[in-house]
C-alpha atoms as a PDB file:
ATOM      1  CA  MET A   1      10.293 182.381-204.466  1.00  0.00           C
ATOM      2  CA  ALA A   2       6.501 182.067-204.391  1.00  0.00           C
ATOM      3  CA  GLU A   3       4.749 182.884-201.145  1.00  0.00           C
ATOM      4  CA  ARG A   4       3.742 179.758-199.258  1.00  0.00           C
ATOM      5  CA  PRO A   5       0.142 179.387-198.067  1.00  0.00           C
ATOM      6  CA  GLU A   6      -0.313 179.297-194.308  1.00  0.00           C
ATOM      7  CA  LEU A   7      -0.953 175.875-192.841  1.00  0.00           C
ATOM      8  CA  SER A   8      -4.158 175.054-191.052  1.00  0.00           C
ATOM      9  CA  THR A   9      -3.868 174.231-187.358  1.00  0.00           C
ATOM     10  CA  ALA A  10      -4.131 170.503-188.106  1.00  0.00           C
ATOM     11  CA  GLU A  11      -1.552 170.689-190.902  1.00  0.00           C
ATOM     12  CA  ARG A  12       0.828 172.656-188.706  1.00  0.00           C
ATOM     13  CA  ASP A  13       0.530 170.120-185.891  1.00  0.00           C
ATOM     14  CA  VAL A  14       1.392 167.285-188.280  1.00  0.00           C
ATOM     15  CA  ARG A  15       4.377 169.158-189.695  1.00  0.00           C
ATOM     16  CA  ARG A  16       5.547 170.079-186.188  1.00  0.00           C
ATOM     17  CA  GLY A  17       5.658 166.366-185.384  1.00  0.00           C
ATOM     18  CA  ALA A  18       7.896 165.699-188.383  1.00  0.00           C
ATOM     19  CA  VAL A  19      10.089 168.738-187.659  1.00  0.00           C
ATOM     20  CA  GLY A  20      10.506 167.665-184.041  1.00  0.00           C
ATOM     21  CA  ASP A  21      11.409 164.109-185.072  1.00  0.00           C
ATOM     22  CA  LEU A  22      14.068 165.364-187.490  1.00  0.00           C
ATOM     23  CA  GLY A  23      15.410 167.753-184.857  1.00  0.00           C
ATOM     24  CA  SER A  24      15.676 164.907-182.340  1.00  0.00           C
ATOM     25  CA  ALA A  25      17.546 162.731-184.845  1.00  0.00           C
ATOM     26  CA  LEU A  26      19.929 165.577-185.667  1.00  0.00           C
ATOM     27  CA  ARG A  27      20.592 166.205-181.970  1.00  0.00           C
ATOM     28  CA  GLU A  28      21.594 162.547-181.708  1.00  0.00           C
ATOM     29  CA  LEU A  29      23.967 163.131-184.626  1.00  0.00           C
ATOM     30  CA  VAL A  30      25.450 166.255-183.020  1.00  0.00           C
ATOM     31  CA  ASP A  31      25.907 164.413-179.723  1.00  0.00           C
ATOM     32  CA  ALA A  32      27.607 161.498-181.498  1.00  0.00           C
ATOM     33  CA  ALA A  33      29.805 163.903-183.497  1.00  0.00           C
ATOM     34  CA  VAL A  34      31.218 165.647-180.421  1.00  0.00           C
ATOM     35  CA  LEU A  35      31.830 162.368-178.590  1.00  0.00           C
ATOM     36  CA  THR A  36      33.216 160.221-181.420  1.00  0.00           C
ATOM     37  CA  GLU A  37      36.762 158.916-181.702  1.00  0.00           C
ATOM     38  CA  VAL A  38      36.185 156.739-184.795  1.00  0.00           C
ATOM     39  CA  PRO A  39      39.002 156.430-187.372  1.00  0.00           C
ATOM     40  CA  MET A  40      39.632 159.294-189.782  1.00  0.00           C
ATOM     41  CA  ALA A  41      38.351 157.319-192.771  1.00  0.00           C
ATOM     42  CA  GLU A  42      35.020 156.857-191.023  1.00  0.00           C
ATOM     43  CA  LEU A  43      34.884 160.569-190.230  1.00  0.00           C
ATOM     44  CA  ALA A  44      35.343 161.339-193.930  1.00  0.00           C
ATOM     45  CA  ASP A  45      32.643 158.865-194.989  1.00  0.00           C
ATOM     46  CA  VAL A  46      30.148 160.254-192.484  1.00  0.00           C
ATOM     47  CA  ALA A  47      30.926 163.836-193.543  1.00  0.00           C
ATOM     48  CA  GLY A  48      30.105 162.930-197.148  1.00  0.00           C
ATOM     49  CA  ALA A  49      26.860 161.237-196.157  1.00  0.00           C
ATOM     50  CA  VAL A  50      25.809 164.224-194.060  1.00  0.00           C
ATOM     51  CA  ARG A  51      26.471 166.621-196.947  1.00  0.00           C
ATOM     52  CA  GLN A  52      24.274 164.490-199.192  1.00  0.00           C
ATOM     53  CA  LEU A  53      21.451 164.648-196.660  1.00  0.00           C
ATOM     54  CA  ALA A  54      21.894 168.419-196.362  1.00  0.00           C
ATOM     55  CA  GLY A  55      21.413 168.667-200.112  1.00  0.00           C
ATOM     56  CA  ARG A  56      18.095 166.840-199.856  1.00  0.00           C
ATOM     57  CA  LEU A  57      16.844 169.291-197.226  1.00  0.00           C
ATOM     58  CA  ARG A  58      17.939 172.278-199.330  1.00  0.00           C
ATOM     59  CA  ALA A  59      15.804 171.057-202.257  1.00  0.00           C
ATOM     60  CA  ASP A  60      12.954 173.239-200.959  1.00  0.00           C
ATOM     61  CA  GLY A  61      13.806 175.953-198.471  1.00  0.00           C
ATOM     62  CA  ARG A  62      12.839 179.415-197.306  1.00  0.00           C
ATOM     63  CA  GLY A  63      14.649 182.733-197.235  1.00  0.00           C
ATOM     64  CA  LEU A  64      16.744 184.021-194.356  1.00  0.00           C
ATOM     65  CA  HIS A  65      13.960 186.281-193.055  1.00  0.00           C
ATOM     66  CA  ASP A  66      10.988 184.038-193.813  1.00  0.00           C
ATOM     67  CA  ILE A  67       9.042 182.737-190.820  1.00  0.00           C
ATOM     68  CA  PRO A  68       8.776 178.919-190.742  1.00  0.00           C
ATOM     69  CA  SER A  69       5.336 177.437-191.344  1.00  0.00           C
ATOM     70  CA  VAL A  70       5.508 175.699-187.941  1.00  0.00           C
ATOM     71  CA  ASP A  71       6.081 178.947-186.001  1.00  0.00           C
ATOM     72  CA  ASP A  72       3.515 181.166-184.302  1.00  0.00           C
ATOM     73  CA  PRO A  73       4.856 184.745-184.372  1.00  0.00           C
ATOM     74  CA  ALA A  74       1.857 186.057-182.428  1.00  0.00           C
ATOM     75  CA  THR A  75       2.823 184.054-179.330  1.00  0.00           C
ATOM     76  CA  GLY A  76       6.572 183.924-179.908  1.00  0.00           C
ATOM     77  CA  GLU A  77       6.736 180.151-180.409  1.00  0.00           C
ATOM     78  CA  ARG A  78       9.844 179.470-182.526  1.00  0.00           C
ATOM     79  CA  TRP A  79      10.315 175.859-183.583  1.00  0.00           C
ATOM     80  CA  TYR A  80      13.842 176.515-184.784  1.00  0.00           C
ATOM     81  CA  SER A  81      14.884 178.591-181.773  1.00  0.00           C
ATOM     82  CA  PRO A  82      18.545 177.976-180.839  1.00  0.00           C
ATOM     83  CA  VAL A  83      17.466 177.795-177.179  1.00  0.00           C
ATOM     84  CA  TYR A  84      14.600 175.308-177.121  1.00  0.00           C
ATOM     85  CA  GLY A  85      13.385 174.779-180.708  1.00  0.00           C
ATOM     86  CA  PRO A  86      12.384 171.145-181.323  1.00  0.00           C
ATOM     87  CA  GLY A  87      13.581 171.433-184.921  1.00  0.00           C
ATOM     88  CA  ASN A  88      16.968 172.988-184.169  1.00  0.00           C
ATOM     89  CA  PRO A  89      19.765 170.462-183.547  1.00  0.00           C
ATOM     90  CA  VAL A  90      21.940 173.022-181.728  1.00  0.00           C
ATOM     91  CA  ALA A  91      19.171 173.812-179.235  1.00  0.00           C
ATOM     92  CA  PRO A  92      19.290 172.210-175.806  1.00  0.00           C
ATOM     93  CA  PRO A  93      16.317 169.804-175.522  1.00  0.00           C
ATOM     94  CA  MET A  94      14.532 172.086-173.058  1.00  0.00           C
ATOM     95  CA  GLU A  95      10.869 171.554-172.255  1.00  0.00           C
ATOM     96  CA  ALA A  96       9.393 174.933-171.364  1.00  0.00           C
ATOM     97  CA  SER A  97       6.015 175.988-169.999  1.00  0.00           C
ATOM     98  CA  SER A  98       4.414 179.136-168.620  1.00  0.00           C
ATOM     99  CA  THR A  99       1.340 180.416-166.797  1.00  0.00           C
ATOM    100  CA  PRO A 100      -0.678 183.621-167.304  1.00  0.00           C
ATOM    101  CA  ASP A 101       0.489 185.039-163.962  1.00  0.00           C
ATOM    102  CA  GLY A 102       3.935 185.641-165.442  1.00  0.00           C
ATOM    103  CA  ARG A 103       5.813 182.497-164.448  1.00  0.00           C
ATOM    104  CA  ALA A 104       7.827 180.174-166.638  1.00  0.00           C
ATOM    105  CA  THR A 105       9.708 176.918-166.167  1.00  0.00           C
ATOM    106  CA  GLY A 106      12.269 175.143-168.325  1.00  0.00           C
ATOM    107  CA  ARG A 107      13.609 171.624-167.746  1.00  0.00           C
ATOM    108  CA  VAL A 108      16.703 170.316-169.486  1.00  0.00           C
ATOM    109  CA  THR A 109      19.692 167.998-169.212  1.00  0.00           C
ATOM    110  CA  LEU A 110      22.774 169.231-171.056  1.00  0.00           C
ATOM    111  CA  GLY A 111      25.439 167.051-172.628  1.00  0.00           C
ATOM    112  CA  LYS A 112      28.760 167.369-174.428  1.00  0.00           C
ATOM    113  CA  PRO A 113      27.535 169.718-177.208  1.00  0.00           C
ATOM    114  CA  HIS A 114      27.025 172.451-174.574  1.00  0.00           C
ATOM    115  CA  GLU A 115      30.247 171.959-172.640  1.00  0.00           C
ATOM    116  CA  GLY A 116      32.512 174.825-171.604  1.00  0.00           C
ATOM    117  CA  PRO A 117      35.177 173.842-169.060  1.00  0.00           C
ATOM    118  CA  PRO A 118      35.621 170.043-168.988  1.00  0.00           C
ATOM    119  CA  GLY A 119      32.509 168.428-167.529  1.00  0.00           C
ATOM    120  CA  LEU A 120      30.714 171.747-167.040  1.00  0.00           C
ATOM    121  CA  VAL A 121      28.018 173.607-168.960  1.00  0.00           C
ATOM    122  CA  HIS A 122      29.286 176.650-170.878  1.00  0.00           C
ATOM    123  CA  GLY A 123      28.410 179.875-169.064  1.00  0.00           C
ATOM    124  CA  GLY A 124      26.946 181.359-172.235  1.00  0.00           C
ATOM    125  CA  VAL A 125      24.530 178.437-172.478  1.00  0.00           C
ATOM    126  CA  VAL A 126      23.459 178.993-168.864  1.00  0.00           C
ATOM    127  CA  ALA A 127      22.776 182.660-169.652  1.00  0.00           C
ATOM    128  CA  THR A 128      20.823 181.709-172.760  1.00  0.00           C
ATOM    129  CA  LEU A 129      18.573 179.314-170.843  1.00  0.00           C
ATOM    130  CA  LEU A 130      17.858 181.959-168.213  1.00  0.00           C
ATOM    131  CA  ASP A 131      17.169 184.592-170.875  1.00  0.00           C
ATOM    132  CA  HIS A 132      14.610 182.301-172.477  1.00  0.00           C
ATOM    133  CA  VAL A 133      12.601 181.566-169.323  1.00  0.00           C
ATOM    134  CA  LEU A 134      12.693 185.274-168.452  1.00  0.00           C
ATOM    135  CA  ALA A 135      11.289 186.202-171.864  1.00  0.00           C
ATOM    136  CA  ARG A 136       8.711 183.422-171.691  1.00  0.00           C
ATOM    137  CA  ALA A 137       7.487 184.677-168.298  1.00  0.00           C
ATOM    138  CA  VAL A 138       7.157 188.206-169.704  1.00  0.00           C
ATOM    139  CA  ARG A 139       5.166 187.011-172.727  1.00  0.00           C
ATOM    140  CA  ALA A 140       2.977 184.773-170.573  1.00  0.00           C
ATOM    141  CA  ALA A 141       1.911 187.840-168.607  1.00  0.00           C
ATOM    142  CA  GLY A 142       0.850 189.571-171.826  1.00  0.00           C
ATOM    143  CA  ARG A 143       3.876 191.838-172.012  1.00  0.00           C
ATOM    144  CA  GLY A 144       5.809 192.094-175.268  1.00  0.00           C
ATOM    145  CA  GLY A 145       9.479 192.918-175.452  1.00  0.00           C
ATOM    146  CA  LEU A 146      13.044 192.290-176.527  1.00  0.00           C
ATOM    147  CA  THR A 147      15.855 191.763-174.018  1.00  0.00           C
ATOM    148  CA  ALA A 148      17.397 195.150-173.196  1.00  0.00           C
ATOM    149  CA  THR A 149      19.685 194.031-170.365  1.00  0.00           C
ATOM    150  CA  LEU A 150      20.499 190.644-168.876  1.00  0.00           C
ATOM    151  CA  THR A 151      22.457 190.339-165.636  1.00  0.00           C
ATOM    152  CA  VAL A 152      23.582 186.822-164.732  1.00  0.00           C
ATOM    153  CA  THR A 153      25.204 185.774-161.458  1.00  0.00           C
ATOM    154  CA  TYR A 154      26.890 182.370-161.477  1.00  0.00           C
ATOM    155  CA  ARG A 155      26.709 180.803-158.015  1.00  0.00           C
ATOM    156  CA  ARG A 156      27.965 177.264-158.629  1.00  0.00           C
ATOM    157  CA  PRO A 157      29.487 175.305-161.531  1.00  0.00           C
ATOM    158  CA  VAL A 158      26.752 173.636-163.585  1.00  0.00           C
ATOM    159  CA  GLN A 159      27.546 169.975-164.283  1.00  0.00           C
ATOM    160  CA  LEU A 160      26.840 168.177-167.551  1.00  0.00           C
ATOM    161  CA  GLY A 161      24.361 165.309-167.405  1.00  0.00           C
ATOM    162  CA  VAL A 162      22.386 166.769-164.506  1.00  0.00           C
ATOM    163  CA  SER A 163      18.646 167.397-164.746  1.00  0.00           C
ATOM    164  CA  LEU A 164      18.244 171.183-164.484  1.00  0.00           C
ATOM    165  CA  VAL A 165      15.244 173.392-163.757  1.00  0.00           C
ATOM    166  CA  ALA A 166      15.137 177.073-164.733  1.00  0.00           C
ATOM    167  CA  THR A 167      12.298 179.179-163.305  1.00  0.00           C
ATOM    168  CA  ALA A 168      11.354 182.802-163.908  1.00  0.00           C
ATOM    169  CA  GLU A 169       8.713 185.220-162.709  1.00  0.00           C
ATOM    170  CA  LEU A 170       7.565 188.706-163.563  1.00  0.00           C
ATOM    171  CA  ALA A 171       8.911 191.451-161.282  1.00  0.00           C
ATOM    172  CA  THR A 172       7.918 194.999-162.330  1.00  0.00           C
ATOM    173  CA  THR A 173       6.106 196.706-165.188  1.00  0.00           C
ATOM    174  CA  GLU A 174       6.268 200.353-166.237  1.00  0.00           C
ATOM    175  CA  GLY A 175       5.074 201.482-169.633  1.00  0.00           C
ATOM    176  CA  ARG A 176       6.890 199.458-172.250  1.00  0.00           C
ATOM    177  CA  ARG A 177       9.472 198.213-169.725  1.00  0.00           C
ATOM    178  CA  THR A 178       9.181 194.918-167.846  1.00  0.00           C
ATOM    179  CA  THR A 179      11.613 193.225-165.488  1.00  0.00           C
ATOM    180  CA  ALA A 180      11.721 189.584-164.468  1.00  0.00           C
ATOM    181  CA  THR A 181      13.944 187.372-162.331  1.00  0.00           C
ATOM    182  CA  ALA A 182      15.097 183.780-162.846  1.00  0.00           C
ATOM    183  CA  ARG A 183      17.146 181.060-161.172  1.00  0.00           C
ATOM    184  CA  LEU A 184      18.685 177.758-162.231  1.00  0.00           C
ATOM    185  CA  VAL A 185      18.858 174.713-159.940  1.00  0.00           C
ATOM    186  CA  ALA A 186      19.471 170.998-160.154  1.00  0.00           C
ATOM    187  CA  ALA A 187      16.199 169.062-160.083  1.00  0.00           C
ATOM    188  CA  ASP A 188      17.417 166.938-157.182  1.00  0.00           C
ATOM    189  CA  ASP A 189      18.689 169.950-155.182  1.00  0.00           C
ATOM    190  CA  PRO A 190      16.196 172.786-155.673  1.00  0.00           C
ATOM    191  CA  ALA A 191      17.411 174.689-152.595  1.00  0.00           C
ATOM    192  CA  THR A 192      20.850 175.370-154.106  1.00  0.00           C
ATOM    193  CA  THR A 193      20.977 178.138-156.695  1.00  0.00           C
ATOM    194  CA  LEU A 194      23.429 177.423-159.497  1.00  0.00           C
ATOM    195  CA  ALA A 195      22.815 180.696-161.332  1.00  0.00           C
ATOM    196  CA  GLU A 196      20.348 183.557-161.204  1.00  0.00           C
ATOM    197  CA  ALA A 197      19.447 186.396-163.513  1.00  0.00           C
ATOM    198  CA  GLU A 198      17.484 189.592-163.868  1.00  0.00           C
ATOM    199  CA  GLY A 199      16.291 190.777-167.232  1.00  0.00           C
ATOM    200  CA  LEU A 200      14.857 194.029-168.535  1.00  0.00           C
ATOM    201  CA  PHE A 201      12.563 193.723-171.545  1.00  0.00           C
ATOM    202  CA  VAL A 202      11.390 196.661-173.636  1.00  0.00           C
ATOM    203  CA  ALA A 203       8.407 196.312-175.930  1.00  0.00           C
ATOM    204  CA  LEU A 204       8.728 197.811-179.380  1.00  0.00           C
ATOM    205  CA  ARG A 205       6.248 200.463-180.431  1.00  0.00           C
ATOM    206  CA  PRO A 206       4.030 199.162-183.257  1.00  0.00           C
ATOM    207  CA  GLU A 207       5.645 201.434-185.828  1.00  0.00           C
ATOM    208  CA  ARG A 208       9.142 200.416-184.709  1.00  0.00           C
ATOM    209  CA  ALA A 209       8.170 196.724-184.747  1.00  0.00           C
ATOM    210  CA  ALA A 210       6.846 197.133-188.285  1.00  0.00           C
ATOM    211  CA  ASP A 211      10.251 198.483-189.310  1.00  0.00           C
ATOM    212  CA  VAL A 212      12.346 195.906-187.430  1.00  0.00           C
ATOM    213  CA  PHE A 213      10.357 192.918-188.653  1.00  0.00           C
ATOM    214  CA  ALA A 214       9.565 194.256-192.134  1.00  0.00           C
ATOM    215  CA  PRO A 215      11.778 191.628-193.861  1.00  0.00           C
ATOM    216  CA  THR A 216       9.522 188.867-192.503  1.00  0.00           C
ATOM    217  CA  GLY A 217       6.424 190.314-194.147  1.00  0.00           C
ATOM    218  CA  ARG A 218       4.421 189.331-191.060  1.00  0.00           C
ATOM    219  CA  ASP A 219       2.942 190.911-187.945  1.00  0.00           C
ATOM    220  CA  VAL A 220       5.188 189.778-185.089  1.00  0.00           C
ATOM    221  CA  GLU A 221       3.147 190.605-182.020  1.00  0.00           C
ATOM    222  CA  ALA A 222       5.084 188.851-179.259  1.00  0.00           C
ATOM    223  CA  TRP A 223       7.781 191.538-179.181  1.00  0.00           C
ATOM    224  CA  THR A 224       5.427 194.531-179.539  1.00  0.00           C
ATOM    225  CA  SER A 225       3.834 196.809-176.967  1.00  0.00           C
ATOM    226  CA  ARG A 226       0.395 195.518-175.969  1.00  0.00           C
ATOM    227  CA  SER A 227      -0.752 198.845-174.578  1.00  0.00           C
END
């Protein structure tokens, strides 16, 4: 497959809009699929239509290790991230932000696709959300790193359909190691902790990063030591 030219900033912004729109439509499809009780014949018809659409998208694709043209590997922005990626239909529709002082916030409302026990958010999804805001806080402070350990404490059941806020902040730094803490609350009850986490992130040495990310053919700076 021929190497694709990098998009200009303007071109990437336009494509991101289209990717996000498709991702939103697919999330609607996923939500409908896990809630539907239509007759079996209708299920079969829809399955056929979806497979036809999948074929259209596969008409021009990238390899398993290729970085999407809408991503920014230097900052760690992943538009197909399974946690918050606007283009990924399995990702919770989380809106995330961060500040240079090492703080991050994620806001999301979770529905049936992320259910564990009836009516409750799956515990693995809760952990994933907390891991993301922890990593985002670390990157915002200029610290690279991959998750080395993640300790999650579940304080209360997390209900579906509730507006949630996940916050994280940098804790300690030592060499290539950085720790951060996070908590999850309901937007209308910020004093009650639903879950909390502590993460340890270890930045890869440049030579190790070059080896780990070699299949991408790109410099992936967000997970590399900045020192």
